[in-house]
């Protein structure tokens, strides 16, 4: 198996259902209380991008993409239309959007992170599939125009020699990103409903660790 740095066609994924899921073990105690244990460190996302009525050309595009991935064999990129940016929906990306680390004068590589939280808790999700060319980086509130590189296949930001963040420097970033997924079905079923048109009722996807 491998991961293909290809994105599921955007024009075919505008109709989507799904989102993050977590797995928690829950034991009900005799006193009415519960003991709860989180089994997964991070959420795992599931989607269904089944199409509405589409042209035969669009249906073929899905079929071709499925075949090129070997069905469930190879992972690929998927753009979640609700959660695909370091900024909130409708807001522009800035280099100050997300905290990704603090400098110590030695560490040169930092993983892109997306923070979710409120007054009670904070969760930081590793972002491993940023969109190439979208990443902006700031040190102590000042955007950097050079001195670093971004690996779009892993989400790692690497600072060059002479540009390593100093002790206590706050590192922040803004970016667009995709979710690494694979098909969660063995087959694609096409329903032809009209002349040269039809739909695929269900195209399930599941998040993977590439």
C-alpha atoms as a PDB file:
ATOM      1  CA  UNK A   1       0.000   0.000   0.000  1.00  0.00           C
ATOM      2  CA  UNK A   2       1.060   3.612  -0.496  1.00  0.00           C
ATOM      3  CA  UNK A   3      -0.251   7.130  -0.164  1.00  0.00           C
ATOM      4  CA  UNK A   4      -0.973   9.000  -3.395  1.00  0.00           C
ATOM      5  CA  UNK A   5      -0.661  12.774  -3.162  1.00  0.00           C
ATOM      6  CA  UNK A   6      -3.807  13.160  -5.258  1.00  0.00           C
ATOM      7  CA  UNK A   7      -6.950  14.952  -4.122  1.00  0.00           C
ATOM      8  CA  UNK A   8     -10.428  13.550  -4.631  1.00  0.00           C
ATOM      9  CA  UNK A   9     -11.960  15.775  -7.351  1.00  0.00           C
ATOM     10  CA  UNK A  10     -13.344  18.907  -5.681  1.00  0.00           C
ATOM     11  CA  UNK A  11     -16.283  19.241  -8.044  1.00  0.00           C
ATOM     12  CA  UNK A  12     -17.451  15.783  -6.957  1.00  0.00           C
ATOM     13  CA  UNK A  13     -17.150  16.320  -3.194  1.00  0.00           C
ATOM     14  CA  UNK A  14     -19.394  19.360  -2.685  1.00  0.00           C
ATOM     15  CA  UNK A  15     -22.133  17.075  -1.361  1.00  0.00           C
ATOM     16  CA  UNK A  16     -20.695  15.501   1.777  1.00  0.00           C
ATOM     17  CA  UNK A  17     -21.804  13.996   5.070  1.00  0.00           C
ATOM     18  CA  UNK A  18     -19.581  12.932   7.922  1.00  0.00           C
ATOM     19  CA  UNK A  19     -16.996  14.288  10.314  1.00  0.00           C
ATOM     20  CA  UNK A  20     -14.803  13.351  13.282  1.00  0.00           C
ATOM     21  CA  UNK A  21     -15.411  10.378  15.536  1.00  0.00           C
ATOM     22  CA  UNK A  22     -13.819   9.209  18.771  1.00  0.00           C
ATOM     23  CA  UNK A  23     -13.805   5.910  20.629  1.00  0.00           C
ATOM     24  CA  UNK A  24     -14.321   5.868  24.395  1.00  0.00           C
ATOM     25  CA  UNK A  25     -14.723   2.882  26.702  1.00  0.00           C
ATOM     26  CA  UNK A  26     -17.520   3.515  29.212  1.00  0.00           C
ATOM     27  CA  UNK A  27     -18.155   1.364  32.286  1.00  0.00           C
ATOM     28  CA  UNK A  28     -21.289   2.007  34.352  1.00  0.00           C
ATOM     29  CA  UNK A  29     -20.596   1.600  38.065  1.00  0.00           C
ATOM     30  CA  UNK A  30     -23.038   0.299  40.683  1.00  0.00           C
ATOM     31  CA  UNK A  31     -23.302   3.744  42.293  1.00  0.00           C
ATOM     32  CA  UNK A  32     -24.565   5.256  39.049  1.00  0.00           C
ATOM     33  CA  UNK A  33     -21.319   6.906  38.101  1.00  0.00           C
ATOM     34  CA  UNK A  34     -19.263   6.073  35.011  1.00  0.00           C
ATOM     35  CA  UNK A  35     -15.618   5.284  34.380  1.00  0.00           C
ATOM     36  CA  UNK A  36     -14.559   6.557  30.965  1.00  0.00           C
ATOM     37  CA  UNK A  37     -11.332   5.873  29.102  1.00  0.00           C
ATOM     38  CA  UNK A  38     -10.302   7.449  25.811  1.00  0.00           C
ATOM     39  CA  UNK A  39      -8.994   4.751  23.464  1.00  0.00           C
ATOM     40  CA  UNK A  40      -7.943   7.016  20.589  1.00  0.00           C
ATOM     41  CA  UNK A  41      -5.518   9.910  21.035  1.00  0.00           C
ATOM     42  CA  UNK A  42      -6.983  11.766  18.038  1.00  0.00           C
ATOM     43  CA  UNK A  43     -10.289  11.785  16.208  1.00  0.00           C
ATOM     44  CA  UNK A  44     -10.787   9.661  13.122  1.00  0.00           C
ATOM     45  CA  UNK A  45     -12.914  11.146  10.390  1.00  0.00           C
ATOM     46  CA  UNK A  46     -15.413   9.366   8.177  1.00  0.00           C
ATOM     47  CA  UNK A  47     -17.176  10.825   5.160  1.00  0.00           C
ATOM     48  CA  UNK A  48     -19.684   9.861   2.519  1.00  0.00           C
ATOM     49  CA  UNK A  49     -19.391  11.810  -0.720  1.00  0.00           C
ATOM     50  CA  UNK A  50     -22.126  10.045  -2.657  1.00  0.00           C
ATOM     51  CA  UNK A  51     -23.091  12.143  -5.654  1.00  0.00           C
ATOM     52  CA  UNK A  52     -26.363  13.670  -6.718  1.00  0.00           C
ATOM     53  CA  UNK A  53     -27.359  13.272 -10.375  1.00  0.00           C
ATOM     54  CA  UNK A  54     -24.230  13.818 -12.446  1.00  0.00           C
ATOM     55  CA  UNK A  55     -23.150  13.515 -16.032  1.00  0.00           C
ATOM     56  CA  UNK A  56     -21.632  10.276 -17.226  1.00  0.00           C
ATOM     57  CA  UNK A  57     -18.306  12.117 -17.491  1.00  0.00           C
ATOM     58  CA  UNK A  58     -18.393  12.946 -13.755  1.00  0.00           C
ATOM     59  CA  UNK A  59     -19.374   9.398 -12.851  1.00  0.00           C
ATOM     60  CA  UNK A  60     -16.479   8.119 -14.927  1.00  0.00           C
ATOM     61  CA  UNK A  61     -14.124  10.504 -13.077  1.00  0.00           C
ATOM     62  CA  UNK A  62     -15.086   8.829  -9.784  1.00  0.00           C
ATOM     63  CA  UNK A  63     -14.697   5.370 -11.303  1.00  0.00           C
ATOM     64  CA  UNK A  64     -11.285   6.289 -12.723  1.00  0.00           C
ATOM     65  CA  UNK A  65     -10.122   7.731  -9.381  1.00  0.00           C
ATOM     66  CA  UNK A  66     -11.289   4.583  -7.555  1.00  0.00           C
ATOM     67  CA  UNK A  67      -9.456   2.325  -9.995  1.00  0.00           C
ATOM     68  CA  UNK A  68      -6.262   4.409  -9.818  1.00  0.00           C
ATOM     69  CA  UNK A  69      -6.241   4.047  -6.031  1.00  0.00           C
ATOM     70  CA  UNK A  70      -6.713   0.296  -6.244  1.00  0.00           C
ATOM     71  CA  UNK A  71     -10.002   0.607  -4.366  1.00  0.00           C
ATOM     72  CA  UNK A  72      -9.132   0.528  -0.667  1.00  0.00           C
ATOM     73  CA  UNK A  73      -5.430  -0.115  -1.257  1.00  0.00           C
ATOM     74  CA  UNK A  74      -3.945   3.386  -1.523  1.00  0.00           C
ATOM     75  CA  UNK A  75      -4.704   6.526   0.458  1.00  0.00           C
ATOM     76  CA  UNK A  76      -5.334   9.959  -1.032  1.00  0.00           C
ATOM     77  CA  UNK A  77      -6.228  13.536  -0.116  1.00  0.00           C
ATOM     78  CA  UNK A  78      -9.738  14.759   0.595  1.00  0.00           C
ATOM     79  CA  UNK A  79     -10.807  18.340   1.176  1.00  0.00           C
ATOM     80  CA  UNK A  80     -13.271  18.568   4.055  1.00  0.00           C
ATOM     81  CA  UNK A  81     -15.361  21.625   3.081  1.00  0.00           C
ATOM     82  CA  UNK A  82     -16.125  22.387   6.761  1.00  0.00           C
ATOM     83  CA  UNK A  83     -12.641  21.977   8.236  1.00  0.00           C
ATOM     84  CA  UNK A  84      -9.873  22.646   5.707  1.00  0.00           C
ATOM     85  CA  UNK A  85      -8.080  25.743   6.980  1.00  0.00           C
ATOM     86  CA  UNK A  86      -6.126  27.051   9.949  1.00  0.00           C
ATOM     87  CA  UNK A  87      -8.626  29.920  10.088  1.00  0.00           C
ATOM     88  CA  UNK A  88     -12.294  29.729  10.956  1.00  0.00           C
ATOM     89  CA  UNK A  89     -14.758  29.311   8.055  1.00  0.00           C
ATOM     90  CA  UNK A  90     -15.090  32.497   6.041  1.00  0.00           C
ATOM     91  CA  UNK A  91     -11.899  34.027   7.442  1.00  0.00           C
ATOM     92  CA  UNK A  92      -8.641  34.520   5.558  1.00  0.00           C
ATOM     93  CA  UNK A  93      -5.504  32.607   6.505  1.00  0.00           C
ATOM     94  CA  UNK A  94      -2.907  34.554   8.478  1.00  0.00           C
ATOM     95  CA  UNK A  95       0.529  33.438   9.716  1.00  0.00           C
ATOM     96  CA  UNK A  96      -0.716  33.865  13.294  1.00  0.00           C
ATOM     97  CA  UNK A  97      -3.602  31.390  13.094  1.00  0.00           C
ATOM     98  CA  UNK A  98      -2.180  28.353  14.903  1.00  0.00           C
ATOM     99  CA  UNK A  99       0.478  27.731  17.549  1.00  0.00           C
ATOM    100  CA  UNK A 100       2.862  24.997  16.406  1.00  0.00           C
ATOM    101  CA  UNK A 101       5.666  25.225  18.951  1.00  0.00           C
ATOM    102  CA  UNK A 102       8.181  27.194  20.969  1.00  0.00           C
ATOM    103  CA  UNK A 103      11.832  27.592  20.087  1.00  0.00           C
ATOM    104  CA  UNK A 104      14.705  26.297  22.196  1.00  0.00           C
ATOM    105  CA  UNK A 105      17.575  27.443  20.003  1.00  0.00           C
ATOM    106  CA  UNK A 106      18.239  23.902  18.760  1.00  0.00           C
ATOM    107  CA  UNK A 107      15.067  22.302  17.388  1.00  0.00           C
ATOM    108  CA  UNK A 108      14.655  23.047  13.681  1.00  0.00           C
ATOM    109  CA  UNK A 109      11.622  20.902  12.762  1.00  0.00           C
ATOM    110  CA  UNK A 110       8.040  21.497  13.891  1.00  0.00           C
ATOM    111  CA  UNK A 111       4.818  19.675  12.997  1.00  0.00           C
ATOM    112  CA  UNK A 112       1.894  21.761  11.764  1.00  0.00           C
ATOM    113  CA  UNK A 113      -0.929  21.643  14.315  1.00  0.00           C
ATOM    114  CA  UNK A 114      -4.592  22.645  14.414  1.00  0.00           C
ATOM    115  CA  UNK A 115      -5.946  23.602  17.852  1.00  0.00           C
ATOM    116  CA  UNK A 116      -9.542  22.979  18.915  1.00  0.00           C
ATOM    117  CA  UNK A 117     -10.622  24.162  22.306  1.00  0.00           C
ATOM    118  CA  UNK A 118     -12.644  26.225  24.723  1.00  0.00           C
ATOM    119  CA  UNK A 119     -12.350  27.201  28.354  1.00  0.00           C
ATOM    120  CA  UNK A 120     -12.466  23.575  29.540  1.00  0.00           C
ATOM    121  CA  UNK A 121     -10.043  21.757  27.259  1.00  0.00           C
ATOM    122  CA  UNK A 122      -7.711  22.037  24.283  1.00  0.00           C
ATOM    123  CA  UNK A 123      -6.932  19.421  21.633  1.00  0.00           C
ATOM    124  CA  UNK A 124      -4.101  19.793  19.118  1.00  0.00           C
ATOM    125  CA  UNK A 125      -4.432  17.803  15.915  1.00  0.00           C
ATOM    126  CA  UNK A 126      -1.355  17.119  13.752  1.00  0.00           C
ATOM    127  CA  UNK A 127      -1.854  18.416  10.213  1.00  0.00           C
ATOM    128  CA  UNK A 128       0.048  16.093   7.907  1.00  0.00           C
ATOM    129  CA  UNK A 129      -1.302  17.065   4.494  1.00  0.00           C
ATOM    130  CA  UNK A 130      -1.040  20.859   4.059  1.00  0.00           C
ATOM    131  CA  UNK A 131      -1.798  22.310   0.647  1.00  0.00           C
ATOM    132  CA  UNK A 132       1.469  23.079  -1.109  1.00  0.00           C
ATOM    133  CA  UNK A 133       2.218  26.795  -1.203  1.00  0.00           C
ATOM    134  CA  UNK A 134      -0.418  27.718   1.382  1.00  0.00           C
ATOM    135  CA  UNK A 135       1.725  27.656   4.551  1.00  0.00           C
ATOM    136  CA  UNK A 136       2.655  30.957   6.191  1.00  0.00           C
ATOM    137  CA  UNK A 137       4.923  31.044   9.248  1.00  0.00           C
ATOM    138  CA  UNK A 138       5.526  33.652  11.947  1.00  0.00           C
ATOM    139  CA  UNK A 139       8.082  33.928  14.754  1.00  0.00           C
ATOM    140  CA  UNK A 140       7.054  36.042  17.743  1.00  0.00           C
ATOM    141  CA  UNK A 141       4.305  37.618  15.661  1.00  0.00           C
ATOM    142  CA  UNK A 142       6.488  38.492  12.647  1.00  0.00           C
ATOM    143  CA  UNK A 143       5.828  36.680   9.370  1.00  0.00           C
ATOM    144  CA  UNK A 144       8.876  34.956   7.904  1.00  0.00           C
ATOM    145  CA  UNK A 145       9.488  35.288   4.186  1.00  0.00           C
ATOM    146  CA  UNK A 146      12.325  32.773   4.056  1.00  0.00           C
ATOM    147  CA  UNK A 147      14.627  30.609   6.093  1.00  0.00           C
ATOM    148  CA  UNK A 148      12.244  27.645   6.287  1.00  0.00           C
ATOM    149  CA  UNK A 149      10.743  24.925   4.133  1.00  0.00           C
ATOM    150  CA  UNK A 150       7.529  22.924   4.347  1.00  0.00           C
ATOM    151  CA  UNK A 151       7.077  19.279   3.430  1.00  0.00           C
ATOM    152  CA  UNK A 152       3.589  19.108   1.938  1.00  0.00           C
ATOM    153  CA  UNK A 153       3.583  15.303   2.325  1.00  0.00           C
ATOM    154  CA  UNK A 154       4.153  15.325   6.101  1.00  0.00           C
ATOM    155  CA  UNK A 155       3.284  18.797   7.382  1.00  0.00           C
ATOM    156  CA  UNK A 156       6.768  19.318   8.839  1.00  0.00           C
ATOM    157  CA  UNK A 157       8.174  22.860   8.916  1.00  0.00           C
ATOM    158  CA  UNK A 158      11.986  22.869   8.844  1.00  0.00           C
ATOM    159  CA  UNK A 159      14.042  25.957   9.600  1.00  0.00           C
ATOM    160  CA  UNK A 160      17.349  26.363   7.807  1.00  0.00           C
ATOM    161  CA  UNK A 161      20.676  26.780   9.597  1.00  0.00           C
ATOM    162  CA  UNK A 162      20.911  30.308  10.910  1.00  0.00           C
ATOM    163  CA  UNK A 163      17.129  30.620  11.144  1.00  0.00           C
ATOM    164  CA  UNK A 164      16.399  28.132  13.953  1.00  0.00           C
ATOM    165  CA  UNK A 165      13.929  29.721  16.418  1.00  0.00           C
ATOM    166  CA  UNK A 166      15.641  31.009  19.539  1.00  0.00           C
ATOM    167  CA  UNK A 167      14.860  30.165  23.147  1.00  0.00           C
ATOM    168  CA  UNK A 168      11.206  30.893  23.932  1.00  0.00           C
ATOM    169  CA  UNK A 169      10.305  32.129  20.434  1.00  0.00           C
ATOM    170  CA  UNK A 170       6.627  31.496  19.649  1.00  0.00           C
ATOM    171  CA  UNK A 171       6.119  29.716  16.325  1.00  0.00           C
ATOM    172  CA  UNK A 172       2.782  30.092  14.621  1.00  0.00           C
ATOM    173  CA  UNK A 173       1.463  29.185  11.171  1.00  0.00           C
ATOM    174  CA  UNK A 174      -1.486  29.512   8.838  1.00  0.00           C
ATOM    175  CA  UNK A 175      -2.345  27.001   6.116  1.00  0.00           C
ATOM    176  CA  UNK A 176      -4.904  25.130   4.057  1.00  0.00           C
ATOM    177  CA  UNK A 177      -4.929  21.350   4.374  1.00  0.00           C
ATOM    178  CA  UNK A 178      -6.490  18.104   3.229  1.00  0.00           C
ATOM    179  CA  UNK A 179      -7.452  14.981   5.186  1.00  0.00           C
ATOM    180  CA  UNK A 180      -5.602  11.742   4.348  1.00  0.00           C
ATOM    181  CA  UNK A 181      -8.239   9.104   3.587  1.00  0.00           C
ATOM    182  CA  UNK A 182      -8.900   5.890   1.699  1.00  0.00           C
ATOM    183  CA  UNK A 183     -12.032   4.393   0.207  1.00  0.00           C
ATOM    184  CA  UNK A 184     -14.012   2.440   2.798  1.00  0.00           C
ATOM    185  CA  UNK A 185     -15.785   0.221   0.282  1.00  0.00           C
ATOM    186  CA  UNK A 186     -14.854  -2.610  -2.032  1.00  0.00           C
ATOM    187  CA  UNK A 187     -16.996  -1.373  -4.895  1.00  0.00           C
ATOM    188  CA  UNK A 188     -18.460   1.659  -6.634  1.00  0.00           C
ATOM    189  CA  UNK A 189     -22.101   1.262  -7.646  1.00  0.00           C
ATOM    190  CA  UNK A 190     -23.382   3.563 -10.378  1.00  0.00           C
ATOM    191  CA  UNK A 191     -27.108   4.133 -10.881  1.00  0.00           C
ATOM    192  CA  UNK A 192     -28.012   5.419 -14.334  1.00  0.00           C
ATOM    193  CA  UNK A 193     -31.207   7.432 -13.968  1.00  0.00           C
ATOM    194  CA  UNK A 194     -31.457   9.439 -17.160  1.00  0.00           C
ATOM    195  CA  UNK A 195     -29.918   9.786 -20.583  1.00  0.00           C
ATOM    196  CA  UNK A 196     -26.180  10.231 -20.072  1.00  0.00           C
ATOM    197  CA  UNK A 197     -26.682  10.957 -16.351  1.00  0.00           C
ATOM    198  CA  UNK A 198     -26.816   9.094 -13.055  1.00  0.00           C
ATOM    199  CA  UNK A 199     -25.497   9.027  -9.520  1.00  0.00           C
ATOM    200  CA  UNK A 200     -23.388   7.055  -7.070  1.00  0.00           C
ATOM    201  CA  UNK A 201     -25.507   6.823  -3.882  1.00  0.00           C
ATOM    202  CA  UNK A 202     -22.623   6.133  -1.501  1.00  0.00           C
ATOM    203  CA  UNK A 203     -18.878   6.760  -1.600  1.00  0.00           C
ATOM    204  CA  UNK A 204     -17.602   6.130   1.959  1.00  0.00           C
ATOM    205  CA  UNK A 205     -14.161   7.403   2.957  1.00  0.00           C
ATOM    206  CA  UNK A 206     -12.206   6.925   6.194  1.00  0.00           C
ATOM    207  CA  UNK A 207      -9.251   8.856   7.582  1.00  0.00           C
ATOM    208  CA  UNK A 208      -5.875   7.074   7.638  1.00  0.00           C
ATOM    209  CA  UNK A 209      -2.420   7.681   9.047  1.00  0.00           C
ATOM    210  CA  UNK A 210      -0.253   7.971   5.922  1.00  0.00           C
END
